[in-house]
Each structure stands twice: as C-alpha cells, then as structure tokens.
Amino acid sequence: MPVDPKGRTEPGYVRHAFICGHDRPEGATRPSCLAKGSLEIMRQLKQRVREHTKANIRVQKSGCLDFCEFGPTCVVYPEGVWYGLTSEESIEALFHHLVTGEVDHEKTLKLE
C-alpha cells in the first residue's frame, strides 16, 4: 500500500483554489485570464500560502472557468466562492480566505 509523502491520511484539501490559466489566441472574441497575468498571481499565492500555513491548502491552475471578462478568475472549494483577481485587494481577500476560511463578500466576483 502506498504511503502519502506529505503524511496525509485522507484525500482532499482544507481549501482548494483553482485559478484560470486559459489562453485564447490573439483576435479571439473573448479575453483570456493568462494574458491578464493569472499564472503569476497563482505562483505568488502558492508561495505565500506555503510560507504562512502548514494547512493542507492547494492552489493550482485550472482550465477556462468561463468568466474571462471578470478575470483573472478563481474559485475556492469546498465553499464554491468566486473571485475576480483584478486588484491587490481582491488578491489579499483570496489569500485571507485560503488561510483562515473567512470570506470577504465585498471582494468576491460580482456579475454586474
């Protein structure tokens, strides 16, 4: 029987953030999150989470989340909370959510 190298006894994560890394070709009718710096945001968040907590939290790239006009976009599970990572404040709110579980509803994605 394999042993988890991180010492986990159950599959899953406390929180799991998916940050869109989708790239559309130049001239596409819709924007893409990759062109808006989503992967750099993901890398920075990953590093900060590693530095600030030992909790079993995962930050990773996803395919298209289909809200590119509001992006870069991110969804956090198990809560199913969405963020448009368009400002330092929204990125900070996401980081705080990942580490503490507290959602800042003022900074979540709004489709208006």
C-alpha atoms as a PDB file:
ATOM      1  CA  MET A   1       0.000   0.000   0.000  1.00  0.00           C
ATOM      2  CA  PRO A   2       1.489   3.406  -0.971  1.00  0.00           C
ATOM      3  CA  VAL A   3       2.166   5.988   1.728  1.00  0.00           C
ATOM      4  CA  ASP A   4       1.455   9.682   1.144  1.00  0.00           C
ATOM      5  CA  PRO A   5       4.810  11.533   1.156  1.00  0.00           C
ATOM      6  CA  LYS A   6       3.151  14.504   2.932  1.00  0.00           C
ATOM      7  CA  GLY A   7       1.768  12.307   5.703  1.00  0.00           C
ATOM      8  CA  ARG A   8      -1.897  12.800   4.829  1.00  0.00           C
ATOM      9  CA  THR A   9      -4.299  10.099   5.955  1.00  0.00           C
ATOM     10  CA  GLU A  10      -7.290  11.164   3.816  1.00  0.00           C
ATOM     11  CA  PRO A  11      -7.575  12.547   0.279  1.00  0.00           C
ATOM     12  CA  GLY A  12      -8.641  16.138  -0.257  1.00  0.00           C
ATOM     13  CA  TYR A  13      -7.766  19.606   0.946  1.00  0.00           C
ATOM     14  CA  VAL A  14      -8.992  22.036   3.588  1.00  0.00           C
ATOM     15  CA  ARG A  15      -9.411  24.546   0.727  1.00  0.00           C
ATOM     16  CA  HIS A  16      -8.643  24.204  -2.961  1.00  0.00           C
ATOM     17  CA  ALA A  17      -8.217  27.260  -5.202  1.00  0.00           C
ATOM     18  CA  PHE A  18      -8.427  26.971  -8.969  1.00  0.00           C
ATOM     19  CA  ILE A  19      -7.019  29.971 -10.853  1.00  0.00           C
ATOM     20  CA  CYS A  20      -7.821  30.181 -14.545  1.00  0.00           C
ATOM     21  CA  GLY A  21      -4.788  29.724 -16.762  1.00  0.00           C
ATOM     22  CA  HIS A  22      -6.677  29.620 -20.049  1.00  0.00           C
ATOM     23  CA  ASP A  23      -5.132  31.267 -23.104  1.00  0.00           C
ATOM     24  CA  ARG A  24      -7.084  32.302 -26.175  1.00  0.00           C
ATOM     25  CA  PRO A  25      -5.435  33.161 -29.468  1.00  0.00           C
ATOM     26  CA  GLU A  26      -4.873  36.761 -30.473  1.00  0.00           C
ATOM     27  CA  GLY A  27      -8.005  38.204 -32.046  1.00  0.00           C
ATOM     28  CA  ALA A  28     -10.376  35.940 -30.092  1.00  0.00           C
ATOM     29  CA  THR A  29     -13.782  37.420 -29.333  1.00  0.00           C
ATOM     30  CA  ARG A  30     -13.278  36.965 -25.574  1.00  0.00           C
ATOM     31  CA  PRO A  31     -10.305  37.804 -23.351  1.00  0.00           C
ATOM     32  CA  SER A  32      -8.221  35.195 -21.564  1.00  0.00           C
ATOM     33  CA  CYS A  33      -7.023  35.112 -17.977  1.00  0.00           C
ATOM     34  CA  LEU A  34      -3.490  34.068 -18.918  1.00  0.00           C
ATOM     35  CA  ALA A  35      -2.957  37.348 -20.783  1.00  0.00           C
ATOM     36  CA  LYS A  36      -4.043  39.193 -17.621  1.00  0.00           C
ATOM     37  CA  GLY A  37      -1.279  37.617 -15.505  1.00  0.00           C
ATOM     38  CA  SER A  38      -3.192  34.761 -13.886  1.00  0.00           C
ATOM     39  CA  LEU A  39      -0.242  32.380 -13.669  1.00  0.00           C
ATOM     40  CA  GLU A  40       1.976  34.925 -11.921  1.00  0.00           C
ATOM     41  CA  ILE A  41      -0.838  35.582  -9.424  1.00  0.00           C
ATOM     42  CA  MET A  42      -1.140  31.823  -8.910  1.00  0.00           C
ATOM     43  CA  ARG A  43       2.608  31.418  -8.315  1.00  0.00           C
ATOM     44  CA  GLN A  44       2.678  34.253  -5.792  1.00  0.00           C
ATOM     45  CA  LEU A  45      -0.360  32.937  -3.905  1.00  0.00           C
ATOM     46  CA  LYS A  46       1.062  29.425  -3.822  1.00  0.00           C
ATOM     47  CA  GLN A  47       4.286  30.714  -2.311  1.00  0.00           C
ATOM     48  CA  ARG A  48       2.532  32.897   0.250  1.00  0.00           C
ATOM     49  CA  VAL A  49       0.264  30.045   1.351  1.00  0.00           C
ATOM     50  CA  ARG A  50       3.308  27.779   1.792  1.00  0.00           C
ATOM     51  CA  GLU A  51       5.063  30.462   3.864  1.00  0.00           C
ATOM     52  CA  HIS A  52       2.090  31.277   6.120  1.00  0.00           C
ATOM     53  CA  THR A  53       0.427  27.982   6.939  1.00  0.00           C
ATOM     54  CA  LYS A  54       1.011  24.263   7.233  1.00  0.00           C
ATOM     55  CA  ALA A  55      -2.668  23.600   6.465  1.00  0.00           C
ATOM     56  CA  ASN A  56      -3.469  21.267   3.597  1.00  0.00           C
ATOM     57  CA  ILE A  57      -4.350  24.009   1.065  1.00  0.00           C
ATOM     58  CA  ARG A  58      -3.907  23.639  -2.679  1.00  0.00           C
ATOM     59  CA  VAL A  59      -3.555  26.492  -5.199  1.00  0.00           C
ATOM     60  CA  GLN A  60      -3.402  25.422  -8.820  1.00  0.00           C
ATOM     61  CA  LYS A  61      -4.035  26.388 -12.404  1.00  0.00           C
ATOM     62  CA  SER A  62      -7.319  25.425 -13.978  1.00  0.00           C
ATOM     63  CA  GLY A  63      -8.637  25.432 -17.481  1.00  0.00           C
ATOM     64  CA  CYS A  64     -11.186  28.022 -18.520  1.00  0.00           C
ATOM     65  CA  LEU A  65     -13.618  28.935 -15.749  1.00  0.00           C
ATOM     66  CA  ASP A  66     -15.798  30.788 -18.321  1.00  0.00           C
ATOM     67  CA  PHE A  67     -15.851  34.200 -16.593  1.00  0.00           C
ATOM     68  CA  CYS A  68     -12.907  35.650 -18.511  1.00  0.00           C
ATOM     69  CA  GLU A  69     -14.421  39.112 -18.792  1.00  0.00           C
ATOM     70  CA  PHE A  70     -14.077  39.397 -14.989  1.00  0.00           C
ATOM     71  CA  GLY A  71     -10.628  37.892 -14.795  1.00  0.00           C
ATOM     72  CA  PRO A  72      -8.281  36.598 -13.939  1.00  0.00           C
ATOM     73  CA  THR A  73     -10.826  34.460 -12.124  1.00  0.00           C
ATOM     74  CA  CYS A  74     -10.580  31.965  -9.301  1.00  0.00           C
ATOM     75  CA  VAL A  75     -12.936  29.629  -7.473  1.00  0.00           C
ATOM     76  CA  VAL A  76     -12.288  28.225  -3.982  1.00  0.00           C
ATOM     77  CA  TYR A  77     -13.695  24.901  -2.792  1.00  0.00           C
ATOM     78  CA  PRO A  78     -15.303  23.496  -0.743  1.00  0.00           C
ATOM     79  CA  GLU A  79     -17.121  26.839  -0.326  1.00  0.00           C
ATOM     80  CA  GLY A  80     -17.575  27.469  -4.059  1.00  0.00           C
ATOM     81  CA  VAL A  81     -16.608  31.141  -3.657  1.00  0.00           C
ATOM     82  CA  TRP A  82     -15.519  33.044  -6.775  1.00  0.00           C
ATOM     83  CA  TYR A  83     -13.018  35.907  -7.062  1.00  0.00           C
ATOM     84  CA  GLY A  84     -12.097  38.254  -9.898  1.00  0.00           C
ATOM     85  CA  LEU A  85      -8.412  38.868  -9.194  1.00  0.00           C
ATOM     86  CA  THR A  86      -8.294  42.344 -10.681  1.00  0.00           C
ATOM     87  CA  SER A  87      -6.893  44.301  -7.720  1.00  0.00           C
ATOM     88  CA  GLU A  88      -4.463  43.868  -4.857  1.00  0.00           C
ATOM     89  CA  GLU A  89      -7.457  43.974  -2.511  1.00  0.00           C
ATOM     90  CA  SER A  90      -9.178  41.037  -4.204  1.00  0.00           C
ATOM     91  CA  ILE A  91      -5.932  39.028  -4.207  1.00  0.00           C
ATOM     92  CA  GLU A  92      -5.469  39.787  -0.495  1.00  0.00           C
ATOM     93  CA  ALA A  93      -9.078  38.724   0.177  1.00  0.00           C
ATOM     94  CA  LEU A  94      -8.428  35.423  -1.617  1.00  0.00           C
ATOM     95  CA  PHE A  95      -5.231  34.844   0.369  1.00  0.00           C
ATOM     96  CA  HIS A  96      -7.042  35.596   3.637  1.00  0.00           C
ATOM     97  CA  HIS A  97      -9.847  33.209   2.643  1.00  0.00           C
ATOM     98  CA  LEU A  98      -7.388  30.425   1.861  1.00  0.00           C
ATOM     99  CA  VAL A  99      -5.518  30.755   5.133  1.00  0.00           C
ATOM    100  CA  THR A 100      -8.411  31.472   7.519  1.00  0.00           C
ATOM    101  CA  GLY A 101     -11.556  30.269   5.744  1.00  0.00           C
ATOM    102  CA  GLU A 102     -13.126  33.716   6.141  1.00  0.00           C
ATOM    103  CA  VAL A 103     -14.826  35.133   3.027  1.00  0.00           C
ATOM    104  CA  ASP A 104     -14.795  38.884   2.342  1.00  0.00           C
ATOM    105  CA  HIS A 105     -18.034  39.123   0.369  1.00  0.00           C
ATOM    106  CA  GLU A 106     -17.169  42.664  -0.733  1.00  0.00           C
ATOM    107  CA  LYS A 107     -14.257  41.276  -2.756  1.00  0.00           C
ATOM    108  CA  THR A 108     -15.927  38.252  -4.372  1.00  0.00           C
ATOM    109  CA  LEU A 109     -16.826  38.113  -8.060  1.00  0.00           C
ATOM    110  CA  LYS A 110     -19.895  40.155  -8.970  1.00  0.00           C
ATOM    111  CA  LEU A 111     -21.555  39.737 -12.366  1.00  0.00           C
ATOM    112  CA  GLU A 112     -22.777  43.303 -12.757  1.00  0.00           C
END
